[in-house]
Amino acid sequence: MLGLMVDAFSQIGFRLNNGLSVVGPVALFPKTVLSWRVKSVADINEDSLSLFYLLEPKIDLLILGVGDKGTTVNTNIIHFMKQKGITLEILPTESACTTFNFLNQERRYVAAGLIPPYNLSNTIDDHLRAQRDAKTLFLARHDDD
């Protein structure tokens, strides 16, 4: 069985491959998801990261999804986690979800701290899906007449 993976995210939270929807920031592990008590990247510090370095067995890699592209974090946390023996990858949330899913699928012992993004960009898939859904809705309503 595959571990937990992120199927979708929004400005509100995350939907996982087990059907669970989680509101707000999350601490995600291969088989566990927890609410992560941070409101923004400003709250990411040694205390808020303790959940990730106190675990046994120790994780190989912590992926931080910090919301939108261009969001920065205090660089002291990189050095702090290195001292704890954990590699830290800091990415926009979209990339962090993809990276977590990939490494988790490879059975790496990885964790992610994910903050929902403020801004979401639409892809061509989003537009095509919306057009398909609109046609389906129109056809269904037209058939009822």
N, C-alpha and C. Protein backbone atom coordinates (compact mmCIF):
# COMPACT_ATOMS: atom_id res chain seq x y z
N MET A 1 0.83 -1.19 0.00
CA MET A 1 0.00 0.00 0.00
C MET A 1 0.88 1.25 0.00
N LEU A 2 0.48 2.22 -0.81
CA LEU A 2 1.18 3.49 -0.84
C LEU A 2 0.91 4.26 0.45
N GLY A 3 1.86 5.11 0.82
CA GLY A 3 1.64 5.96 1.96
C GLY A 3 0.73 7.12 1.59
N LEU A 4 0.55 8.02 2.53
CA LEU A 4 -0.28 9.20 2.27
C LEU A 4 0.36 10.08 1.22
N MET A 5 -0.48 10.64 0.37
CA MET A 5 -0.03 11.58 -0.65
C MET A 5 -1.05 12.69 -0.79
N VAL A 6 -0.58 13.82 -1.29
CA VAL A 6 -1.46 14.97 -1.49
C VAL A 6 -2.07 14.86 -2.88
N ASP A 7 -3.40 14.76 -2.93
CA ASP A 7 -4.11 14.72 -4.22
C ASP A 7 -4.41 16.12 -4.72
N ALA A 8 -4.71 17.04 -3.81
CA ALA A 8 -5.08 18.40 -4.20
C ALA A 8 -4.87 19.34 -3.02
N PHE A 9 -4.76 20.62 -3.34
CA PHE A 9 -4.66 21.62 -2.29
C PHE A 9 -5.40 22.87 -2.73
N SER A 10 -5.73 23.69 -1.76
CA SER A 10 -6.41 24.95 -2.03
C SER A 10 -5.92 25.97 -1.01
N GLN A 11 -6.53 27.12 -1.01
CA GLN A 11 -6.18 28.14 -0.03
C GLN A 11 -6.67 27.76 1.36
N ILE A 12 -7.51 26.75 1.44
CA ILE A 12 -8.08 26.32 2.71
C ILE A 12 -7.31 25.15 3.32
N GLY A 13 -6.81 24.25 2.49
CA GLY A 13 -6.14 23.08 3.03
C GLY A 13 -5.78 22.07 1.96
N PHE A 14 -5.81 20.79 2.34
CA PHE A 14 -5.28 19.73 1.50
C PHE A 14 -6.24 18.54 1.46
N ARG A 15 -6.30 17.87 0.29
CA ARG A 15 -7.04 16.62 0.16
C ARG A 15 -6.02 15.52 -0.09
N LEU A 16 -6.11 14.46 0.71
CA LEU A 16 -5.16 13.37 0.63
C LEU A 16 -5.71 12.19 -0.16
N ASN A 17 -4.83 11.29 -0.55
CA ASN A 17 -5.22 10.15 -1.37
C ASN A 17 -6.13 9.16 -0.64
N ASN A 18 -6.28 9.29 0.66
CA ASN A 18 -7.20 8.42 1.40
C ASN A 18 -8.59 9.04 1.53
N GLY A 19 -8.81 10.17 0.83
CA GLY A 19 -10.11 10.84 0.85
C GLY A 19 -10.26 11.87 1.95
N LEU A 20 -9.31 11.95 2.86
CA LEU A 20 -9.36 12.89 3.96
C LEU A 20 -9.04 14.30 3.47
N SER A 21 -9.84 15.26 3.91
CA SER A 21 -9.53 16.68 3.66
C SER A 21 -9.11 17.30 4.97
N VAL A 22 -8.01 18.04 4.92
CA VAL A 22 -7.45 18.64 6.13
C VAL A 22 -7.42 20.16 5.93
N VAL A 23 -7.94 20.88 6.90
CA VAL A 23 -8.00 22.34 6.83
C VAL A 23 -6.75 22.92 7.48
N GLY A 24 -6.15 23.90 6.80
CA GLY A 24 -5.00 24.62 7.35
C GLY A 24 -3.68 23.91 7.13
N PRO A 25 -2.63 24.45 7.73
CA PRO A 25 -1.30 23.85 7.60
C PRO A 25 -1.26 22.44 8.18
N VAL A 26 -0.46 21.57 7.57
CA VAL A 26 -0.37 20.19 8.01
C VAL A 26 1.08 19.73 8.14
N ALA A 27 1.28 18.79 9.05
CA ALA A 27 2.52 18.03 9.16
C ALA A 27 2.18 16.66 8.58
N LEU A 28 2.84 16.32 7.50
CA LEU A 28 2.50 15.11 6.76
C LEU A 28 3.68 14.14 6.79
N PHE A 29 3.36 12.91 7.15
CA PHE A 29 4.35 11.83 7.22
C PHE A 29 3.86 10.70 6.31
N PRO A 30 4.68 9.70 6.05
CA PRO A 30 4.25 8.63 5.15
C PRO A 30 2.92 7.97 5.52
N LYS A 31 2.61 7.86 6.82
CA LYS A 31 1.38 7.18 7.22
C LYS A 31 0.53 8.00 8.19
N THR A 32 0.90 9.25 8.42
CA THR A 32 0.20 10.07 9.40
C THR A 32 0.10 11.51 8.93
N VAL A 33 -1.01 12.15 9.26
CA VAL A 33 -1.16 13.58 9.01
C VAL A 33 -1.63 14.22 10.31
N LEU A 34 -1.03 15.35 10.62
CA LEU A 34 -1.37 16.10 11.83
C LEU A 34 -1.58 17.56 11.47
N SER A 35 -2.38 18.24 12.25
CA SER A 35 -2.49 19.68 12.09
C SER A 35 -1.18 20.29 12.57
N TRP A 36 -0.66 21.24 11.80
CA TRP A 36 0.61 21.89 12.15
C TRP A 36 0.28 23.28 12.63
N ARG A 37 0.62 23.60 13.85
CA ARG A 37 0.20 24.84 14.48
C ARG A 37 1.08 26.02 14.09
N VAL A 38 1.02 26.38 12.82
CA VAL A 38 1.63 27.60 12.31
C VAL A 38 0.57 28.32 11.49
N LYS A 39 0.64 29.63 11.46
CA LYS A 39 -0.30 30.40 10.65
C LYS A 39 0.33 30.86 9.35
N SER A 40 1.65 31.06 9.38
CA SER A 40 2.38 31.53 8.20
C SER A 40 3.85 31.14 8.36
N VAL A 41 4.66 31.48 7.36
CA VAL A 41 6.09 31.16 7.44
C VAL A 41 6.76 31.90 8.60
N ALA A 42 6.20 33.00 9.03
CA ALA A 42 6.77 33.74 10.16
C ALA A 42 6.75 32.89 11.44
N ASP A 43 5.86 31.89 11.50
CA ASP A 43 5.75 31.03 12.66
C ASP A 43 6.65 29.80 12.60
N ILE A 44 7.38 29.63 11.51
CA ILE A 44 8.28 28.48 11.40
C ILE A 44 9.57 28.81 12.14
N ASN A 45 9.79 28.07 13.20
CA ASN A 45 10.98 28.28 14.04
C ASN A 45 11.38 26.96 14.69
N GLU A 46 12.35 27.00 15.59
CA GLU A 46 12.83 25.78 16.23
C GLU A 46 11.71 25.04 16.95
N ASP A 47 10.83 25.78 17.60
CA ASP A 47 9.73 25.14 18.34
C ASP A 47 8.72 24.48 17.40
N SER A 48 8.33 25.19 16.34
CA SER A 48 7.33 24.62 15.43
C SER A 48 7.89 23.46 14.61
N LEU A 49 9.21 23.35 14.54
CA LEU A 49 9.85 22.25 13.82
C LEU A 49 10.16 21.06 14.72
N SER A 50 9.96 21.21 16.03
CA SER A 50 10.31 20.14 16.97
C SER A 50 9.60 18.83 16.65
N LEU A 51 8.38 18.92 16.16
CA LEU A 51 7.64 17.73 15.78
C LEU A 51 8.42 16.87 14.79
N PHE A 52 9.17 17.52 13.92
CA PHE A 52 9.87 16.79 12.86
C PHE A 52 11.21 16.22 13.30
N TYR A 53 11.87 16.80 14.30
CA TYR A 53 13.18 16.26 14.68
C TYR A 53 13.15 15.42 15.96
N LEU A 54 12.03 15.39 16.66
CA LEU A 54 11.94 14.56 17.86
C LEU A 54 11.50 13.13 17.56
N LEU A 55 11.07 12.88 16.34
CA LEU A 55 10.58 11.55 15.98
C LEU A 55 11.68 10.51 15.93
N GLU A 56 11.31 9.30 16.25
CA GLU A 56 12.18 8.14 16.07
C GLU A 56 11.40 7.12 15.28
N PRO A 57 11.91 6.53 14.23
CA PRO A 57 13.21 6.82 13.64
C PRO A 57 13.21 8.19 12.97
N LYS A 58 14.39 8.75 12.87
CA LYS A 58 14.55 10.09 12.32
C LYS A 58 14.22 10.10 10.83
N ILE A 59 13.54 11.17 10.40
CA ILE A 59 13.24 11.32 8.98
C ILE A 59 14.51 11.65 8.21
N ASP A 60 14.53 11.29 6.93
CA ASP A 60 15.67 11.60 6.06
C ASP A 60 15.64 13.05 5.59
N LEU A 61 14.43 13.51 5.30
CA LEU A 61 14.27 14.81 4.65
C LEU A 61 12.98 15.46 5.11
N LEU A 62 13.05 16.74 5.38
CA LEU A 62 11.86 17.53 5.68
C LEU A 62 11.65 18.51 4.54
N ILE A 63 10.46 18.46 3.97
CA ILE A 63 10.10 19.37 2.89
C ILE A 63 9.14 20.40 3.46
N LEU A 64 9.51 21.66 3.35
CA LEU A 64 8.63 22.73 3.79
C LEU A 64 7.95 23.34 2.59
N GLY A 65 6.64 23.30 2.58
CA GLY A 65 5.84 23.98 1.56
C GLY A 65 5.39 25.31 2.16
N VAL A 66 6.02 26.38 1.71
CA VAL A 66 5.86 27.68 2.37
C VAL A 66 4.80 28.57 1.74
N GLY A 67 3.90 27.99 0.97
CA GLY A 67 2.84 28.79 0.35
C GLY A 67 3.20 29.14 -1.07
N ASP A 68 3.25 30.43 -1.34
CA ASP A 68 3.45 30.92 -2.71
C ASP A 68 4.93 31.02 -3.09
N LYS A 69 5.17 31.05 -4.40
CA LYS A 69 6.53 31.29 -4.91
C LYS A 69 7.01 32.63 -4.38
N GLY A 70 8.30 32.70 -4.06
CA GLY A 70 8.88 33.94 -3.59
C GLY A 70 8.78 34.14 -2.09
N THR A 71 8.08 33.25 -1.40
CA THR A 71 7.99 33.35 0.06
C THR A 71 9.30 32.89 0.66
N THR A 72 9.82 33.64 1.59
CA THR A 72 11.10 33.29 2.20
C THR A 72 10.91 32.95 3.67
N VAL A 73 11.86 32.19 4.18
CA VAL A 73 11.86 31.80 5.59
C VAL A 73 13.17 32.23 6.23
N ASN A 74 13.19 32.23 7.53
CA ASN A 74 14.40 32.55 8.27
C ASN A 74 15.44 31.46 7.98
N THR A 75 16.58 31.85 7.45
CA THR A 75 17.60 30.87 7.05
C THR A 75 18.23 30.17 8.24
N ASN A 76 18.04 30.67 9.44
CA ASN A 76 18.58 30.00 10.62
C ASN A 76 17.99 28.61 10.79
N ILE A 77 16.77 28.40 10.30
CA ILE A 77 16.16 27.08 10.48
C ILE A 77 16.86 26.02 9.64
N ILE A 78 17.45 26.43 8.52
CA ILE A 78 18.20 25.47 7.69
C ILE A 78 19.38 24.93 8.48
N HIS A 79 20.13 25.81 9.10
CA HIS A 79 21.28 25.41 9.90
C HIS A 79 20.85 24.61 11.13
N PHE A 80 19.77 25.02 11.74
CA PHE A 80 19.25 24.33 12.92
C PHE A 80 18.89 22.88 12.59
N MET A 81 18.16 22.67 11.50
CA MET A 81 17.76 21.31 11.13
C MET A 81 18.98 20.48 10.71
N LYS A 82 19.96 21.12 10.09
CA LYS A 82 21.19 20.41 9.72
C LYS A 82 21.90 19.89 10.98
N GLN A 83 21.88 20.71 12.03
CA GLN A 83 22.47 20.27 13.31
C GLN A 83 21.72 19.08 13.88
N LYS A 84 20.46 18.97 13.59
CA LYS A 84 19.64 17.85 14.05
C LYS A 84 19.78 16.64 13.14
N GLY A 85 20.57 16.77 12.06
CA GLY A 85 20.80 15.66 11.14
C GLY A 85 19.70 15.45 10.12
N ILE A 86 18.92 16.50 9.85
CA ILE A 86 17.82 16.40 8.90
C ILE A 86 18.04 17.39 7.76
N THR A 87 17.97 16.90 6.56
CA THR A 87 18.06 17.76 5.38
C THR A 87 16.74 18.49 5.21
N LEU A 88 16.82 19.76 4.88
CA LEU A 88 15.63 20.60 4.74
C LEU A 88 15.54 21.12 3.31
N GLU A 89 14.37 20.96 2.72
CA GLU A 89 14.09 21.48 1.38
C GLU A 89 12.93 22.47 1.52
N ILE A 90 13.14 23.70 1.07
CA ILE A 90 12.12 24.74 1.19
C ILE A 90 11.61 25.07 -0.21
N LEU A 91 10.29 24.88 -0.41
CA LEU A 91 9.69 25.03 -1.74
C LEU A 91 8.33 25.70 -1.64
N PRO A 92 7.85 26.26 -2.76
CA PRO A 92 6.44 26.66 -2.79
C PRO A 92 5.58 25.42 -2.53
N THR A 93 4.42 25.59 -1.95
CA THR A 93 3.59 24.45 -1.56
C THR A 93 3.30 23.51 -2.72
N GLU A 94 3.02 24.02 -3.89
CA GLU A 94 2.72 23.16 -5.04
C GLU A 94 3.88 22.20 -5.31
N SER A 95 5.10 22.72 -5.35
CA SER A 95 6.28 21.89 -5.60
C SER A 95 6.55 20.96 -4.43
N ALA A 96 6.30 21.44 -3.22
CA ALA A 96 6.53 20.62 -2.03
C ALA A 96 5.61 19.40 -2.02
N CYS A 97 4.37 19.57 -2.42
CA CYS A 97 3.43 18.44 -2.49
C CYS A 97 3.92 17.40 -3.49
N THR A 98 4.34 17.85 -4.66
CA THR A 98 4.83 16.94 -5.70
C THR A 98 6.08 16.20 -5.22
N THR A 99 6.99 16.92 -4.60
CA THR A 99 8.23 16.32 -4.11
C THR A 99 7.95 15.30 -3.01
N PHE A 100 7.07 15.66 -2.07
CA PHE A 100 6.71 14.72 -1.01
C PHE A 100 6.10 13.46 -1.60
N ASN A 101 5.16 13.61 -2.51
CA ASN A 101 4.52 12.44 -3.13
C ASN A 101 5.54 11.53 -3.80
N PHE A 102 6.44 12.12 -4.56
CA PHE A 102 7.45 11.35 -5.29
C PHE A 102 8.35 10.58 -4.34
N LEU A 103 8.88 11.27 -3.32
CA LEU A 103 9.81 10.62 -2.40
C LEU A 103 9.10 9.60 -1.52
N ASN A 104 7.87 9.87 -1.15
CA ASN A 104 7.09 8.92 -0.37
C ASN A 104 6.81 7.66 -1.18
N GLN A 105 6.52 7.83 -2.46
CA GLN A 105 6.29 6.69 -3.34
C GLN A 105 7.54 5.82 -3.47
N GLU A 106 8.71 6.46 -3.37
CA GLU A 106 9.97 5.72 -3.42
C GLU A 106 10.33 5.11 -2.07
N ARG A 107 9.42 5.23 -1.11
CA ARG A 107 9.58 4.66 0.23
C ARG A 107 10.69 5.32 1.04
N ARG A 108 10.98 6.57 0.75
CA ARG A 108 11.91 7.34 1.58
C ARG A 108 11.17 7.78 2.83
N TYR A 109 11.88 7.88 3.94
CA TYR A 109 11.22 8.34 5.16
C TYR A 109 11.30 9.86 5.18
N VAL A 110 10.27 10.46 4.61
CA VAL A 110 10.21 11.89 4.37
C VAL A 110 9.01 12.46 5.12
N ALA A 111 9.11 13.73 5.47
CA ALA A 111 7.97 14.43 6.08
C ALA A 111 7.83 15.77 5.39
N ALA A 112 6.64 16.36 5.53
CA ALA A 112 6.40 17.67 4.93
C ALA A 112 5.63 18.54 5.92
N GLY A 113 6.04 19.78 6.00
CA GLY A 113 5.28 20.81 6.69
C GLY A 113 4.70 21.70 5.61
N LEU A 114 3.39 21.66 5.44
CA LEU A 114 2.76 22.34 4.30
C LEU A 114 1.81 23.44 4.75
N ILE A 115 2.02 24.62 4.20
CA ILE A 115 1.15 25.77 4.44
C ILE A 115 0.37 26.02 3.15
N PRO A 116 -0.97 26.10 3.23
CA PRO A 116 -1.73 26.36 2.00
C PRO A 116 -1.29 27.68 1.35
N PRO A 117 -1.25 27.71 0.03
CA PRO A 117 -0.85 28.94 -0.66
C PRO A 117 -1.97 29.98 -0.59
N TYR A 118 -1.59 31.24 -0.73
CA TYR A 118 -2.58 32.32 -0.79
C TYR A 118 -3.09 32.51 -2.21
N ASN A 119 -2.18 32.35 -3.17
CA ASN A 119 -2.52 32.54 -4.58
C ASN A 119 -2.47 31.21 -5.30
N LEU A 120 -3.48 30.94 -6.10
CA LEU A 120 -3.51 29.72 -6.90
C LEU A 120 -3.54 30.11 -8.36
N SER A 121 -2.77 29.40 -9.16
CA SER A 121 -2.78 29.68 -10.59
C SER A 121 -3.58 28.59 -11.29
N ASN A 122 -4.34 28.99 -12.29
CA ASN A 122 -5.11 28.04 -13.08
C ASN A 122 -4.24 27.47 -14.17
N THR A 123 -4.39 26.18 -14.39
CA THR A 123 -3.66 25.52 -15.46
C THR A 123 -4.61 25.28 -16.62
N ILE A 124 -4.07 24.86 -17.75
CA ILE A 124 -4.91 24.53 -18.90
C ILE A 124 -5.84 23.38 -18.55
N ASP A 125 -5.38 22.44 -17.69
CA ASP A 125 -6.24 21.34 -17.25
C ASP A 125 -7.45 21.86 -16.49
N ASP A 126 -7.23 22.90 -15.65
CA ASP A 126 -8.35 23.49 -14.91
C ASP A 126 -9.38 24.08 -15.86
N HIS A 127 -8.92 24.78 -16.89
CA HIS A 127 -9.83 25.38 -17.86
C HIS A 127 -10.60 24.31 -18.65
N LEU A 128 -9.89 23.28 -19.08
CA LEU A 128 -10.54 22.20 -19.84
C LEU A 128 -11.55 21.47 -18.98
N ARG A 129 -11.21 21.21 -17.73
CA ARG A 129 -12.13 20.53 -16.83
C ARG A 129 -13.38 21.38 -16.60
N ALA A 130 -13.20 22.69 -16.43
CA ALA A 130 -14.34 23.59 -16.23
C ALA A 130 -15.24 23.61 -17.46
N GLN A 131 -14.64 23.63 -18.66
CA GLN A 131 -15.43 23.60 -19.89
C GLN A 131 -16.20 22.29 -20.01
N ARG A 132 -15.54 21.18 -19.71
CA ARG A 132 -16.19 19.87 -19.78
C ARG A 132 -17.36 19.80 -18.78
N ASP A 133 -17.12 20.29 -17.55
CA ASP A 133 -18.17 20.26 -16.53
C ASP A 133 -19.34 21.16 -16.92
N ALA A 134 -19.05 22.31 -17.53
CA ALA A 134 -20.12 23.21 -17.95
C ALA A 134 -20.96 22.56 -19.05
N LYS A 135 -20.33 21.88 -20.00
CA LYS A 135 -21.06 21.18 -21.06
C LYS A 135 -21.92 20.07 -20.48
N THR A 136 -21.36 19.31 -19.55
CA THR A 136 -22.10 18.22 -18.91
C THR A 136 -23.31 18.77 -18.17
N LEU A 137 -23.11 19.86 -17.43
CA LEU A 137 -24.20 20.47 -16.70
C LEU A 137 -25.27 20.98 -17.65
N PHE A 138 -24.84 21.64 -18.73
CA PHE A 138 -25.79 22.15 -19.72
C PHE A 138 -26.59 21.02 -20.35
N LEU A 139 -25.90 19.95 -20.73
CA LEU A 139 -26.59 18.81 -21.35
C LEU A 139 -27.56 18.16 -20.38
N ALA A 140 -27.17 18.03 -19.12
CA ALA A 140 -28.05 17.42 -18.12
C ALA A 140 -29.29 18.28 -17.91
N ARG A 141 -29.14 19.59 -17.86
CA ARG A 141 -30.29 20.46 -17.66
C ARG A 141 -31.14 20.49 -18.91
N HIS A 142 -30.52 20.42 -20.09
CA HIS A 142 -31.27 20.45 -21.35
C HIS A 142 -32.11 19.18 -21.49
N ASP A 143 -31.55 18.05 -21.03
CA ASP A 143 -32.29 16.78 -21.10
C ASP A 143 -33.51 16.78 -20.21
N ASP A 144 -33.48 17.58 -19.13
CA ASP A 144 -34.61 17.63 -18.20
C ASP A 144 -35.79 18.40 -18.77
N ASP A 145 -35.56 19.24 -19.77
CA ASP A 145 -36.63 20.08 -20.34
C ASP A 145 -37.64 19.30 -21.11
